[in-house]
N, C-alpha and C. Protein backbone atom coordinates (compact mmCIF):
# COMPACT_ATOMS: atom_id res chain seq x y z
N MET A 1 82.71 11.78 -124.67
CA MET A 1 82.58 10.47 -125.14
C MET A 1 81.53 9.80 -125.39
N ILE A 2 80.52 9.06 -126.33
CA ILE A 2 79.19 8.40 -126.17
C ILE A 2 80.01 7.03 -126.74
N ASN A 3 79.65 5.98 -126.02
CA ASN A 3 79.45 4.62 -126.50
C ASN A 3 78.21 3.90 -126.38
N ALA A 4 78.20 3.47 -127.53
CA ALA A 4 76.57 2.83 -128.07
C ALA A 4 76.51 1.42 -127.31
N ILE A 5 75.62 1.04 -126.58
CA ILE A 5 75.86 -0.54 -126.18
C ILE A 5 74.91 -0.85 -127.26
N LYS A 6 73.71 -0.17 -127.15
CA LYS A 6 72.58 -0.71 -128.34
C LYS A 6 72.02 0.48 -128.91
N ASN A 7 71.84 0.22 -130.42
CA ASN A 7 71.74 1.15 -131.31
C ASN A 7 69.90 1.15 -131.20
N LYS A 8 69.72 2.36 -131.55
CA LYS A 8 68.01 2.65 -131.76
C LYS A 8 67.89 2.07 -133.04
N THR A 9 66.68 1.05 -132.69
CA THR A 9 65.88 0.56 -134.05
C THR A 9 64.46 1.08 -133.65
N ARG A 10 63.92 0.61 -134.91
CA ARG A 10 62.52 1.18 -134.95
C ARG A 10 61.60 0.61 -133.73
N ASN A 11 62.14 -0.23 -133.05
CA ASN A 11 61.37 -1.00 -131.92
C ASN A 11 62.11 -0.86 -130.69
N THR A 12 63.56 -0.61 -130.58
CA THR A 12 64.52 -0.49 -129.44
C THR A 12 64.95 0.60 -128.91
N PRO A 13 65.03 1.09 -127.62
CA PRO A 13 65.73 2.31 -127.82
C PRO A 13 67.29 2.42 -127.71
N ASN A 14 67.63 3.48 -127.92
CA ASN A 14 69.53 3.80 -128.01
C ASN A 14 69.67 3.47 -126.59
N ILE A 15 70.76 2.56 -126.11
CA ILE A 15 71.30 2.63 -124.71
C ILE A 15 72.58 3.07 -125.03
N LEU A 16 72.80 4.12 -124.27
CA LEU A 16 74.19 4.70 -124.60
C LEU A 16 74.78 4.98 -123.15
N HIS A 17 76.41 4.57 -123.25
CA HIS A 17 77.16 5.02 -122.16
C HIS A 17 77.76 6.38 -122.29
N ASP A 18 77.62 7.21 -121.35
CA ASP A 18 78.15 8.64 -121.70
C ASP A 18 79.87 8.52 -120.76
N LEU A 19 80.88 8.45 -121.36
CA LEU A 19 81.96 8.39 -120.85
C LEU A 19 82.69 9.48 -119.86
N SER A 20 82.02 10.47 -120.51
CA SER A 20 82.56 11.87 -119.82
C SER A 20 81.67 12.09 -118.41
N SER A 21 80.62 11.89 -118.53
CA SER A 21 79.89 11.70 -117.43
C SER A 21 79.58 10.87 -116.61
N ASN A 22 79.92 9.39 -117.32
CA ASN A 22 79.72 7.92 -116.61
C ASN A 22 78.33 7.97 -116.28
N PHE A 23 77.45 8.02 -117.27
CA PHE A 23 75.83 7.57 -116.75
C PHE A 23 75.85 7.01 -117.97
N ILE A 24 74.57 6.16 -117.82
CA ILE A 24 73.72 5.34 -119.23
C ILE A 24 72.47 5.88 -119.18
N LEU A 25 72.39 5.82 -120.40
CA LEU A 25 71.00 6.60 -121.01
C LEU A 25 70.28 5.68 -122.06
N PHE A 26 69.10 5.18 -121.46
CA PHE A 26 68.10 4.41 -122.19
C PHE A 26 66.91 5.69 -122.92
N GLU A 27 67.02 5.72 -124.17
CA GLU A 27 66.19 6.47 -124.69
C GLU A 27 65.20 6.23 -125.63
N GLY A 28 63.73 6.42 -125.95
CA GLY A 28 63.25 6.15 -127.12
C GLY A 28 62.22 5.17 -126.69
N ASP A 29 61.61 4.72 -127.73
CA ASP A 29 60.38 3.40 -127.36
C ASP A 29 61.07 2.17 -127.25
N CYS A 30 60.32 1.62 -126.66
CA CYS A 30 60.79 -0.13 -126.40
C CYS A 30 59.68 -0.97 -126.53
N THR A 31 59.63 -1.16 -127.70
CA THR A 31 58.81 -2.59 -128.30
C THR A 31 59.35 -3.61 -128.85
N PRO A 32 60.35 -4.26 -128.39
CA PRO A 32 61.03 -5.44 -129.12
C PRO A 32 59.62 -6.30 -129.63
N GLU A 33 60.14 -6.90 -130.76
CA GLU A 33 59.26 -8.60 -130.57
C GLU A 33 59.40 -9.48 -129.51
N ASP A 34 60.76 -9.67 -129.28
CA ASP A 34 60.89 -10.67 -128.20
C ASP A 34 61.74 -9.90 -127.10
N ALA A 35 60.88 -9.38 -126.13
CA ALA A 35 61.72 -8.37 -125.25
C ALA A 35 62.80 -9.02 -124.20
N VAL A 36 62.25 -10.46 -124.18
CA VAL A 36 63.15 -11.26 -123.20
C VAL A 36 64.79 -11.44 -123.95
N GLU A 37 64.87 -12.04 -125.30
CA GLU A 37 65.70 -11.85 -126.19
C GLU A 37 66.61 -10.68 -126.13
N PHE A 38 65.75 -9.63 -126.46
CA PHE A 38 66.60 -8.05 -126.46
C PHE A 38 67.43 -7.67 -124.98
N PHE A 39 66.63 -8.23 -124.17
CA PHE A 39 67.28 -7.64 -122.86
C PHE A 39 68.49 -8.57 -122.29
N ASP A 40 68.07 -9.96 -122.89
CA ASP A 40 69.22 -10.82 -122.26
C ASP A 40 70.19 -10.65 -123.26
N SER A 41 70.33 -10.12 -124.08
CA SER A 41 71.51 -9.77 -125.52
C SER A 41 72.56 -8.61 -124.42
N PHE A 42 72.20 -7.91 -123.36
CA PHE A 42 72.80 -7.13 -123.38
C PHE A 42 73.31 -6.72 -121.36
N ILE A 43 71.91 -7.26 -120.96
CA ILE A 43 71.72 -6.91 -119.55
C ILE A 43 72.63 -7.40 -118.66
N PRO A 44 73.42 -8.74 -118.64
CA PRO A 44 74.45 -9.21 -118.05
C PRO A 44 75.76 -8.18 -118.33
N ASP A 45 75.96 -7.78 -119.29
CA ASP A 45 77.17 -7.07 -119.76
C ASP A 45 77.04 -5.58 -119.08
N LEU A 46 75.69 -5.23 -119.17
CA LEU A 46 75.43 -3.91 -118.42
C LEU A 46 75.37 -3.96 -116.94
N VAL A 47 75.04 -4.90 -116.04
CA VAL A 47 75.35 -4.73 -115.10
C VAL A 47 76.88 -4.81 -114.46
N GLN A 48 77.75 -5.38 -115.23
CA GLN A 48 79.21 -5.64 -115.31
C GLN A 48 79.74 -4.52 -115.46
N LEU A 49 79.17 -3.66 -116.60
CA LEU A 49 79.84 -2.20 -116.60
C LEU A 49 79.44 -1.40 -115.29
N ILE A 50 78.26 -1.49 -115.38
CA ILE A 50 77.71 -0.60 -113.71
C ILE A 50 78.87 -0.72 -112.81
N LYS A 51 78.83 -2.03 -112.43
CA LYS A 51 79.77 -2.64 -111.65
C LYS A 51 81.63 -2.15 -111.71
N THR A 52 81.75 -2.30 -112.80
CA THR A 52 83.53 -1.94 -112.99
C THR A 52 83.80 -0.77 -113.13
N ASN A 53 83.06 0.02 -113.87
CA ASN A 53 83.03 1.82 -114.03
C ASN A 53 82.33 2.58 -112.91
N ASN A 54 82.08 1.76 -111.85
CA ASN A 54 81.36 2.32 -110.86
C ASN A 54 80.37 3.74 -111.19
N ILE A 55 79.53 3.37 -112.11
CA ILE A 55 78.60 4.03 -112.96
C ILE A 55 77.18 4.48 -111.59
N LYS A 56 76.97 5.72 -111.54
CA LYS A 56 76.21 6.21 -110.31
C LYS A 56 74.81 6.44 -110.86
N LYS A 57 74.49 6.62 -112.32
CA LYS A 57 73.20 7.45 -112.53
C LYS A 57 73.15 6.52 -114.04
N LEU A 58 71.54 5.84 -114.18
CA LEU A 58 70.90 5.56 -114.89
C LEU A 58 69.63 6.42 -115.64
N VAL A 59 69.69 7.19 -116.57
CA VAL A 59 68.87 7.81 -117.56
C VAL A 59 67.60 6.93 -118.23
N PHE A 60 66.67 7.29 -117.85
CA PHE A 60 65.65 6.88 -118.53
C PHE A 60 64.62 7.68 -119.21
N GLU A 61 64.50 8.03 -120.55
CA GLU A 61 63.88 8.96 -121.17
C GLU A 61 63.09 7.85 -122.07
N LEU A 62 62.40 7.01 -121.46
CA LEU A 62 61.47 6.35 -122.53
C LEU A 62 60.02 7.07 -123.08
N ASN A 63 59.99 6.73 -124.09
CA ASN A 63 58.46 7.72 -124.68
C ASN A 63 57.21 6.30 -124.38
N TYR A 64 57.89 5.39 -124.55
CA TYR A 64 56.68 3.99 -124.68
C TYR A 64 57.43 2.94 -124.31
N TYR A 65 57.14 2.07 -123.74
CA TYR A 65 57.61 0.47 -123.83
C TYR A 65 56.34 -0.74 -123.90
N ASN A 66 56.08 -1.50 -124.10
CA ASN A 66 55.42 -2.34 -124.10
C ASN A 66 55.46 -3.47 -122.58
N SER A 67 53.98 -4.10 -122.30
CA SER A 67 54.27 -5.03 -121.29
C SER A 67 55.46 -6.10 -120.94
N SER A 68 55.93 -6.83 -122.22
CA SER A 68 56.76 -7.62 -121.82
C SER A 68 58.15 -6.64 -121.34
N SER A 69 58.09 -5.38 -122.26
CA SER A 69 59.64 -4.76 -121.76
C SER A 69 59.52 -4.32 -120.37
N SER A 70 58.23 -3.82 -119.97
CA SER A 70 58.12 -3.60 -118.69
C SER A 70 58.59 -4.25 -117.76
N LYS A 71 58.19 -5.93 -117.68
CA LYS A 71 58.85 -6.95 -117.06
C LYS A 71 60.19 -7.09 -116.90
N CYS A 72 60.80 -6.91 -118.47
CA CYS A 72 62.16 -7.11 -118.39
C CYS A 72 62.92 -5.96 -117.79
N LEU A 73 62.52 -4.70 -117.67
CA LEU A 73 62.52 -3.49 -117.16
C LEU A 73 62.98 -3.93 -115.51
N LEU A 74 61.74 -4.21 -114.59
CA LEU A 74 61.52 -4.71 -113.49
C LEU A 74 62.45 -5.90 -113.18
N ASP A 75 63.16 -6.43 -113.88
CA ASP A 75 63.69 -7.53 -113.67
C ASP A 75 65.32 -6.94 -113.73
N PHE A 76 65.62 -6.13 -114.29
CA PHE A 76 66.72 -5.88 -114.75
C PHE A 76 66.81 -4.40 -112.98
N PHE A 77 65.75 -3.99 -112.87
CA PHE A 77 66.17 -3.12 -111.37
C PHE A 77 66.08 -3.90 -110.61
N ILE A 78 65.35 -5.19 -110.42
CA ILE A 78 65.70 -6.02 -109.28
C ILE A 78 66.96 -6.55 -108.72
N THR A 79 67.65 -6.96 -110.40
CA THR A 79 69.14 -7.26 -110.45
C THR A 79 69.95 -6.44 -109.70
N LEU A 80 69.54 -5.15 -110.09
CA LEU A 80 70.64 -3.73 -109.46
C LEU A 80 70.32 -3.73 -108.17
N SER A 81 68.75 -3.98 -107.42
CA SER A 81 68.60 -3.98 -105.98
C SER A 81 69.29 -5.04 -105.24
N LYS A 82 69.58 -6.11 -106.03
CA LYS A 82 69.96 -7.23 -105.08
C LYS A 82 71.65 -7.46 -105.28
N THR A 83 72.34 -6.35 -105.83
CA THR A 83 73.85 -6.60 -105.87
C THR A 83 74.21 -5.19 -104.96
N PRO A 84 74.90 -5.83 -103.94
CA PRO A 84 75.39 -4.92 -103.01
C PRO A 84 75.94 -3.80 -103.40
N THR A 85 77.20 -4.15 -104.38
CA THR A 85 77.84 -3.15 -104.84
C THR A 85 77.21 -1.57 -105.64
N ILE A 86 75.63 -2.52 -106.01
CA ILE A 86 75.20 -1.27 -106.61
C ILE A 86 73.90 -0.20 -105.92
N LYS A 87 73.38 -1.18 -105.52
CA LYS A 87 71.98 -1.06 -104.89
C LYS A 87 71.89 0.25 -104.18
N ASN A 88 73.00 0.53 -103.23
CA ASN A 88 73.00 2.10 -102.65
C ASN A 88 73.90 3.30 -103.31
N ASN A 89 74.41 2.73 -104.68
CA ASN A 89 75.19 3.53 -105.18
C ASN A 89 74.56 4.10 -106.12
N ILE A 90 73.50 3.89 -106.82
CA ILE A 90 72.78 4.25 -108.19
C ILE A 90 71.62 5.05 -108.24
N THR A 91 71.28 6.01 -108.91
CA THR A 91 70.48 6.60 -109.03
C THR A 91 69.62 6.27 -110.65
N ILE A 92 68.37 6.17 -110.30
CA ILE A 92 67.18 6.12 -111.54
C ILE A 92 66.79 7.57 -111.71
N GLU A 93 67.07 8.08 -112.44
CA GLU A 93 67.03 9.35 -113.48
C GLU A 93 65.34 8.88 -114.42
N TRP A 94 64.26 9.16 -113.71
CA TRP A 94 63.22 8.41 -114.74
C TRP A 94 62.40 10.00 -115.28
N LYS A 95 62.67 10.18 -116.34
CA LYS A 95 62.13 11.14 -117.12
C LYS A 95 61.05 11.03 -118.01
N HIS A 96 59.74 11.84 -117.87
CA HIS A 96 58.60 11.86 -118.74
C HIS A 96 57.98 12.93 -118.75
N ASP A 97 57.05 12.74 -119.92
CA ASP A 97 56.30 14.08 -120.30
C ASP A 97 55.39 14.53 -118.94
N LYS A 98 55.36 15.52 -118.54
CA LYS A 98 54.54 16.37 -117.34
C LYS A 98 53.21 15.38 -117.80
N ASP A 99 52.54 15.33 -118.63
CA ASP A 99 51.06 14.89 -118.67
C ASP A 99 51.08 13.41 -118.91
N ASP A 100 52.39 12.83 -119.00
CA ASP A 100 52.27 11.17 -118.87
C ASP A 100 52.18 10.68 -117.67
N TYR A 101 50.92 10.48 -117.35
CA TYR A 101 50.98 9.98 -115.80
C TYR A 101 51.24 8.48 -115.49
N GLU A 102 50.88 7.66 -116.92
CA GLU A 102 50.96 6.40 -116.71
C GLU A 102 52.81 6.18 -116.45
N LEU A 103 53.55 6.85 -117.33
CA LEU A 103 54.78 6.07 -117.29
C LEU A 103 55.46 6.80 -115.90
N LYS A 104 55.06 7.83 -115.54
CA LYS A 104 55.56 8.59 -114.38
C LYS A 104 54.97 7.33 -113.22
N GLU A 105 54.15 6.99 -113.34
CA GLU A 105 53.22 5.84 -112.14
C GLU A 105 53.77 4.14 -112.54
N ALA A 106 54.40 4.09 -113.37
CA ALA A 106 55.20 3.13 -113.78
C ALA A 106 56.40 3.55 -113.14
N GLY A 107 57.36 4.21 -113.37
CA GLY A 107 58.38 4.46 -112.29
C GLY A 107 58.24 4.37 -110.94
N GLU A 108 57.34 5.20 -110.26
CA GLU A 108 57.08 5.17 -109.28
C GLU A 108 57.04 3.38 -108.57
N ASN A 109 56.18 2.56 -109.50
CA ASN A 109 55.88 1.27 -109.11
C ASN A 109 57.38 0.54 -109.23
N PHE A 110 57.82 0.81 -110.17
CA PHE A 110 59.43 0.15 -110.01
C PHE A 110 60.33 0.51 -108.77
N LYS A 111 60.19 1.89 -108.71
CA LYS A 111 60.72 2.33 -106.78
C LYS A 111 60.24 1.60 -105.97
N GLY A 112 59.18 1.70 -105.56
CA GLY A 112 58.25 0.61 -104.88
C GLY A 112 58.82 -0.79 -104.62
N ILE A 113 59.13 -1.31 -105.50
CA ILE A 113 59.21 -2.65 -105.69
C ILE A 113 60.89 -3.08 -105.37
N THR A 114 61.35 -1.83 -106.09
CA THR A 114 62.89 -2.04 -105.70
C THR A 114 63.74 -1.25 -104.37
N ASN A 115 62.89 -0.25 -104.19
CA ASN A 115 63.62 0.51 -103.24
C ASN A 115 65.08 0.84 -103.66
N LEU A 116 65.07 1.05 -104.85
CA LEU A 116 66.37 2.09 -105.47
C LEU A 116 65.80 3.33 -105.48
N ASN A 117 67.06 4.10 -105.29
CA ASN A 117 66.84 5.69 -105.53
C ASN A 117 66.42 6.24 -107.15
N TYR A 118 65.10 6.82 -106.99
CA TYR A 118 64.46 7.07 -107.88
C TYR A 118 64.50 8.49 -108.33
N VAL A 119 64.82 9.43 -109.52
CA VAL A 119 64.58 10.92 -109.14
C VAL A 119 63.53 10.89 -110.46
N PHE A 120 62.52 11.58 -110.32
CA PHE A 120 61.63 12.06 -111.50
C PHE A 120 61.75 13.09 -111.87
N ILE A 121 61.64 13.48 -112.98
CA ILE A 121 61.96 14.47 -113.66
C ILE A 121 60.87 14.65 -114.90
N GLU A 122 60.22 15.90 -114.95
CA GLU A 122 59.21 16.07 -116.22
C GLU A 122 59.79 16.77 -116.86
N TYR A 123 59.46 16.67 -118.21
CA TYR A 123 59.81 17.65 -119.14
C TYR A 123 58.50 18.17 -120.00
C-alpha cells in the first residue's frame, strides 16, 4: 500500500511512503516557486514519520531540481544526520541516469557533507 505524503504537481515531485516495504520515495522534478515553503510544509512531519515508523530507506529518483531545492534537500539531510535515532539507521538510495554526472555528483556532495549512508544506483 502506498501513502502519498505529497502528490506530484508540475513543479514538485511525488513523495510517497510505501507501507508494505516501509520506505519513502521522492520521484520527479523539484522546482517549486518557493522551495522553503514547499519543504517546510512536510519535512517536520516526515522526520517524525521516519523516527516513529523506523524507516530505514529513502529513495531519491529526481530527474531535476533547482538550486533552492538543493539547499532544502541539504537541510533535510543535515537534520537526518543530526538525529541520533536516524543517522546510523537510514540509507539514502540516490538513483540517477547513468549519463547524468551532475545529479550523481550532487548526491556525492550530500553524502560528503552529512556522512549518511548513500547507495548510488544508475539506470
